[in-house]
């Protein structure tokens, strides 16, 4: 009954990923989202490392209304040859912290509260600080996420905020 992955269509592959739970690591250089809405290829990192980075990003800056694809874009900068050693070592340390907490790996840690506890245990490391800092711009500078948060973008080119609802907030 198991269908050969080489003979499966993309749709069949992604539909099977839904049942798998987390990001589906298919083979060399390819991961797909659990909801089948995104897929990404890797140039330098292992697919498992990229999947762990995406989960890490989601746990550091959790937004239920954002799809994983935005987090993939935010961490894609680590998928370059010059960052591979540092990133793989950082993820290995993260997985080691997960094992010390009693889990197989960070990615296989099922509950968010457990993953956050693992992240808290490594939050002073240079790797964590680099990823956390990079996510601020990598995630929130994506114009595609601005409407999700209700941000309309810069206002200068449209006359400034004073003419575009500066004083129309109802909660004051």
C-alpha atoms as a PDB file:
ATOM      1  CA  UNK A   1       0.000   0.000   0.000  1.00  0.00           C
ATOM      2  CA  UNK A   2       2.878   2.368   0.565  1.00  0.00           C
ATOM      3  CA  UNK A   3       3.296   4.441  -2.538  1.00  0.00           C
ATOM      4  CA  UNK A   4       6.800   5.156  -3.807  1.00  0.00           C
ATOM      5  CA  UNK A   5       7.602   8.832  -3.097  1.00  0.00           C
ATOM      6  CA  UNK A   6       9.119   9.202  -6.544  1.00  0.00           C
ATOM      7  CA  UNK A   7       5.797   8.280  -8.165  1.00  0.00           C
ATOM      8  CA  UNK A   8       3.619  10.529  -6.037  1.00  0.00           C
ATOM      9  CA  UNK A   9       2.227  13.817  -7.254  1.00  0.00           C
ATOM     10  CA  UNK A  10       2.916  16.922  -5.201  1.00  0.00           C
ATOM     11  CA  UNK A  11      -0.733  16.945  -4.094  1.00  0.00           C
ATOM     12  CA  UNK A  12      -0.514  13.328  -2.868  1.00  0.00           C
ATOM     13  CA  UNK A  13       2.731  14.038  -1.055  1.00  0.00           C
ATOM     14  CA  UNK A  14       1.360  17.107   0.718  1.00  0.00           C
ATOM     15  CA  UNK A  15      -1.896  15.381   1.637  1.00  0.00           C
ATOM     16  CA  UNK A  16       0.090  12.698   3.442  1.00  0.00           C
ATOM     17  CA  UNK A  17       2.030  15.425   5.245  1.00  0.00           C
ATOM     18  CA  UNK A  18      -1.172  16.615   6.906  1.00  0.00           C
ATOM     19  CA  UNK A  19      -1.452  13.365   8.818  1.00  0.00           C
ATOM     20  CA  UNK A  20       2.166  13.530   9.878  1.00  0.00           C
ATOM     21  CA  UNK A  21       1.632  16.535  12.175  1.00  0.00           C
ATOM     22  CA  UNK A  22       4.654  18.819  12.031  1.00  0.00           C
ATOM     23  CA  UNK A  23       6.571  19.906   8.989  1.00  0.00           C
ATOM     24  CA  UNK A  24       7.070  17.009   6.658  1.00  0.00           C
ATOM     25  CA  UNK A  25      10.729  16.347   5.919  1.00  0.00           C
ATOM     26  CA  UNK A  26      10.588  14.487   2.645  1.00  0.00           C
ATOM     27  CA  UNK A  27      14.095  14.104   1.376  1.00  0.00           C
ATOM     28  CA  UNK A  28      17.271  15.922   0.546  1.00  0.00           C
ATOM     29  CA  UNK A  29      16.603  19.635   0.473  1.00  0.00           C
ATOM     30  CA  UNK A  30      12.784  19.639   0.780  1.00  0.00           C
ATOM     31  CA  UNK A  31      10.281  20.216   3.561  1.00  0.00           C
ATOM     32  CA  UNK A  32       6.546  20.825   3.357  1.00  0.00           C
ATOM     33  CA  UNK A  33       4.177  22.442   5.808  1.00  0.00           C
ATOM     34  CA  UNK A  34       1.838  20.401   7.965  1.00  0.00           C
ATOM     35  CA  UNK A  35      -1.143  22.071   6.340  1.00  0.00           C
ATOM     36  CA  UNK A  36       0.196  21.546   2.822  1.00  0.00           C
ATOM     37  CA  UNK A  37       0.077  25.264   2.173  1.00  0.00           C
ATOM     38  CA  UNK A  38       3.805  25.753   1.712  1.00  0.00           C
ATOM     39  CA  UNK A  39       6.909  23.901   0.744  1.00  0.00           C
ATOM     40  CA  UNK A  40      10.504  24.995   0.654  1.00  0.00           C
ATOM     41  CA  UNK A  41      13.723  23.711  -0.746  1.00  0.00           C
ATOM     42  CA  UNK A  42      17.007  24.055   1.066  1.00  0.00           C
ATOM     43  CA  UNK A  43      20.235  25.115  -0.540  1.00  0.00           C
ATOM     44  CA  UNK A  44      22.644  24.488   2.325  1.00  0.00           C
ATOM     45  CA  UNK A  45      20.848  23.344   5.502  1.00  0.00           C
ATOM     46  CA  UNK A  46      19.455  19.909   6.204  1.00  0.00           C
ATOM     47  CA  UNK A  47      15.650  19.814   5.898  1.00  0.00           C
ATOM     48  CA  UNK A  48      15.335  18.804   9.562  1.00  0.00           C
ATOM     49  CA  UNK A  49      17.355  21.861  10.556  1.00  0.00           C
ATOM     50  CA  UNK A  50      15.112  24.168   8.533  1.00  0.00           C
ATOM     51  CA  UNK A  51      11.985  22.560   9.997  1.00  0.00           C
ATOM     52  CA  UNK A  52      13.413  23.078  13.501  1.00  0.00           C
ATOM     53  CA  UNK A  53      14.231  26.713  12.711  1.00  0.00           C
ATOM     54  CA  UNK A  54      10.662  27.293  11.546  1.00  0.00           C
ATOM     55  CA  UNK A  55       9.256  25.777  14.745  1.00  0.00           C
ATOM     56  CA  UNK A  56      11.741  27.785  16.815  1.00  0.00           C
ATOM     57  CA  UNK A  57      10.679  30.986  15.046  1.00  0.00           C
ATOM     58  CA  UNK A  58       7.015  30.203  15.632  1.00  0.00           C
ATOM     59  CA  UNK A  59       7.682  29.588  19.329  1.00  0.00           C
ATOM     60  CA  UNK A  60       9.726  32.773  19.784  1.00  0.00           C
ATOM     61  CA  UNK A  61       7.171  35.007  18.032  1.00  0.00           C
ATOM     62  CA  UNK A  62       3.893  33.057  18.123  1.00  0.00           C
ATOM     63  CA  UNK A  63       1.096  34.383  15.949  1.00  0.00           C
ATOM     64  CA  UNK A  64      -1.688  31.905  15.312  1.00  0.00           C
ATOM     65  CA  UNK A  65      -2.964  34.022  12.426  1.00  0.00           C
ATOM     66  CA  UNK A  66       0.346  33.714  10.526  1.00  0.00           C
ATOM     67  CA  UNK A  67       0.955  30.721   8.305  1.00  0.00           C
ATOM     68  CA  UNK A  68       4.249  28.861   8.538  1.00  0.00           C
ATOM     69  CA  UNK A  69       5.276  30.181   5.125  1.00  0.00           C
ATOM     70  CA  UNK A  70       5.989  33.609   6.676  1.00  0.00           C
ATOM     71  CA  UNK A  71       8.237  31.992   9.267  1.00  0.00           C
ATOM     72  CA  UNK A  72      10.025  30.070   6.500  1.00  0.00           C
ATOM     73  CA  UNK A  73      10.739  33.359   4.723  1.00  0.00           C
ATOM     74  CA  UNK A  74      11.973  34.850   8.003  1.00  0.00           C
ATOM     75  CA  UNK A  75      14.544  32.097   8.601  1.00  0.00           C
ATOM     76  CA  UNK A  76      15.510  31.451   4.968  1.00  0.00           C
ATOM     77  CA  UNK A  77      18.562  33.683   5.472  1.00  0.00           C
ATOM     78  CA  UNK A  78      20.190  30.933   7.524  1.00  0.00           C
ATOM     79  CA  UNK A  79      20.117  28.633   4.491  1.00  0.00           C
ATOM     80  CA  UNK A  80      23.382  29.922   3.048  1.00  0.00           C
ATOM     81  CA  UNK A  81      26.749  28.124   3.003  1.00  0.00           C
ATOM     82  CA  UNK A  82      28.450  30.672   5.274  1.00  0.00           C
ATOM     83  CA  UNK A  83      25.830  30.160   8.026  1.00  0.00           C
ATOM     84  CA  UNK A  84      25.519  26.361   7.882  1.00  0.00           C
ATOM     85  CA  UNK A  85      28.083  25.412  10.545  1.00  0.00           C
ATOM     86  CA  UNK A  86      26.821  27.934  13.096  1.00  0.00           C
ATOM     87  CA  UNK A  87      23.158  27.105  12.414  1.00  0.00           C
ATOM     88  CA  UNK A  88      23.618  23.325  12.511  1.00  0.00           C
ATOM     89  CA  UNK A  89      25.608  23.665  15.762  1.00  0.00           C
ATOM     90  CA  UNK A  90      22.917  25.902  17.257  1.00  0.00           C
ATOM     91  CA  UNK A  91      20.154  23.451  16.353  1.00  0.00           C
ATOM     92  CA  UNK A  92      22.259  20.569  17.721  1.00  0.00           C
ATOM     93  CA  UNK A  93      22.559  22.479  21.028  1.00  0.00           C
ATOM     94  CA  UNK A  94      18.801  23.116  20.985  1.00  0.00           C
ATOM     95  CA  UNK A  95      18.157  19.403  20.444  1.00  0.00           C
ATOM     96  CA  UNK A  96      20.571  18.589  23.261  1.00  0.00           C
ATOM     97  CA  UNK A  97      18.628  20.917  25.571  1.00  0.00           C
ATOM     98  CA  UNK A  98      15.447  19.100  24.503  1.00  0.00           C
ATOM     99  CA  UNK A  99      17.022  15.727  25.298  1.00  0.00           C
ATOM    100  CA  UNK A 100      18.121  17.057  28.707  1.00  0.00           C
ATOM    101  CA  UNK A 101      14.468  17.954  29.309  1.00  0.00           C
ATOM    102  CA  UNK A 102      13.387  14.412  28.411  1.00  0.00           C
ATOM    103  CA  UNK A 103      12.375  14.768  24.759  1.00  0.00           C
ATOM    104  CA  UNK A 104      13.763  13.163  21.590  1.00  0.00           C
ATOM    105  CA  UNK A 105      14.438  16.537  19.931  1.00  0.00           C
ATOM    106  CA  UNK A 106      13.099  20.069  19.922  1.00  0.00           C
ATOM    107  CA  UNK A 107      10.998  19.408  16.835  1.00  0.00           C
ATOM    108  CA  UNK A 108       9.456  16.304  18.395  1.00  0.00           C
ATOM    109  CA  UNK A 109       8.507  18.152  21.593  1.00  0.00           C
ATOM    110  CA  UNK A 110       4.732  18.190  21.347  1.00  0.00           C
ATOM    111  CA  UNK A 111       3.601  20.911  23.713  1.00  0.00           C
ATOM    112  CA  UNK A 112       4.361  24.571  23.156  1.00  0.00           C
ATOM    113  CA  UNK A 113       4.957  25.170  26.867  1.00  0.00           C
ATOM    114  CA  UNK A 114       7.655  22.476  26.832  1.00  0.00           C
ATOM    115  CA  UNK A 115       9.331  23.998  23.758  1.00  0.00           C
ATOM    116  CA  UNK A 116       9.232  27.448  25.368  1.00  0.00           C
ATOM    117  CA  UNK A 117      10.889  26.017  28.493  1.00  0.00           C
ATOM    118  CA  UNK A 118      13.628  24.545  26.283  1.00  0.00           C
ATOM    119  CA  UNK A 119      14.091  27.894  24.528  1.00  0.00           C
ATOM    120  CA  UNK A 120      14.246  29.650  27.887  1.00  0.00           C
ATOM    121  CA  UNK A 121      17.079  27.348  28.903  1.00  0.00           C
ATOM    122  CA  UNK A 122      19.183  28.507  25.923  1.00  0.00           C
ATOM    123  CA  UNK A 123      18.011  32.129  25.671  1.00  0.00           C
ATOM    124  CA  UNK A 124      21.390  33.523  26.752  1.00  0.00           C
ATOM    125  CA  UNK A 125      23.293  31.731  23.981  1.00  0.00           C
ATOM    126  CA  UNK A 126      24.575  33.718  20.988  1.00  0.00           C
ATOM    127  CA  UNK A 127      22.669  31.412  18.610  1.00  0.00           C
ATOM    128  CA  UNK A 128      19.300  32.066  20.271  1.00  0.00           C
ATOM    129  CA  UNK A 129      19.943  35.812  20.410  1.00  0.00           C
ATOM    130  CA  UNK A 130      20.938  35.862  16.742  1.00  0.00           C
ATOM    131  CA  UNK A 131      17.801  34.000  15.651  1.00  0.00           C
ATOM    132  CA  UNK A 132      15.536  36.068  17.915  1.00  0.00           C
ATOM    133  CA  UNK A 133      17.046  39.323  16.700  1.00  0.00           C
ATOM    134  CA  UNK A 134      16.906  38.280  13.060  1.00  0.00           C
ATOM    135  CA  UNK A 135      13.250  37.379  13.369  1.00  0.00           C
ATOM    136  CA  UNK A 136      12.295  40.916  14.330  1.00  0.00           C
ATOM    137  CA  UNK A 137      13.099  42.149  10.855  1.00  0.00           C
ATOM    138  CA  UNK A 138      12.790  38.839   9.002  1.00  0.00           C
ATOM    139  CA  UNK A 139       9.201  38.333  10.116  1.00  0.00           C
ATOM    140  CA  UNK A 140       7.782  41.805  10.656  1.00  0.00           C
ATOM    141  CA  UNK A 141       9.345  43.480   7.601  1.00  0.00           C
ATOM    142  CA  UNK A 142       7.361  41.247   5.261  1.00  0.00           C
ATOM    143  CA  UNK A 143       4.758  43.447   3.623  1.00  0.00           C
ATOM    144  CA  UNK A 144       2.475  40.434   3.254  1.00  0.00           C
ATOM    145  CA  UNK A 145       2.050  40.172   7.054  1.00  0.00           C
ATOM    146  CA  UNK A 146       1.267  43.846   7.620  1.00  0.00           C
ATOM    147  CA  UNK A 147      -2.436  43.609   6.747  1.00  0.00           C
ATOM    148  CA  UNK A 148      -2.785  40.585   9.033  1.00  0.00           C
ATOM    149  CA  UNK A 149      -1.706  42.801  11.946  1.00  0.00           C
ATOM    150  CA  UNK A 150      -3.719  45.799  10.743  1.00  0.00           C
ATOM    151  CA  UNK A 151      -0.665  47.848   9.772  1.00  0.00           C
ATOM    152  CA  UNK A 152      -1.170  49.853   6.587  1.00  0.00           C
ATOM    153  CA  UNK A 153       2.487  50.613   6.002  1.00  0.00           C
ATOM    154  CA  UNK A 154       4.294  53.912   5.940  1.00  0.00           C
ATOM    155  CA  UNK A 155       2.108  56.982   5.769  1.00  0.00           C
ATOM    156  CA  UNK A 156       4.458  59.722   4.594  1.00  0.00           C
ATOM    157  CA  UNK A 157       3.759  59.173   0.904  1.00  0.00           C
ATOM    158  CA  UNK A 158       0.031  59.463   1.607  1.00  0.00           C
ATOM    159  CA  UNK A 159       0.122  62.695   3.601  1.00  0.00           C
ATOM    160  CA  UNK A 160       1.146  61.375   7.006  1.00  0.00           C
ATOM    161  CA  UNK A 161      -0.803  59.851   9.854  1.00  0.00           C
ATOM    162  CA  UNK A 162      -2.409  63.127  10.895  1.00  0.00           C
ATOM    163  CA  UNK A 163      -4.601  62.964   7.777  1.00  0.00           C
ATOM    164  CA  UNK A 164      -5.155  59.204   7.853  1.00  0.00           C
ATOM    165  CA  UNK A 165      -6.902  58.366  11.102  1.00  0.00           C
ATOM    166  CA  UNK A 166      -4.386  59.640  13.660  1.00  0.00           C
ATOM    167  CA  UNK A 167      -7.151  60.473  16.124  1.00  0.00           C
ATOM    168  CA  UNK A 168      -9.841  57.924  15.285  1.00  0.00           C
ATOM    169  CA  UNK A 169      -8.918  55.318  17.892  1.00  0.00           C
ATOM    170  CA  UNK A 170     -12.019  54.378  19.842  1.00  0.00           C
ATOM    171  CA  UNK A 171     -10.426  52.815  22.893  1.00  0.00           C
ATOM    172  CA  UNK A 172      -9.245  56.070  24.539  1.00  0.00           C
END
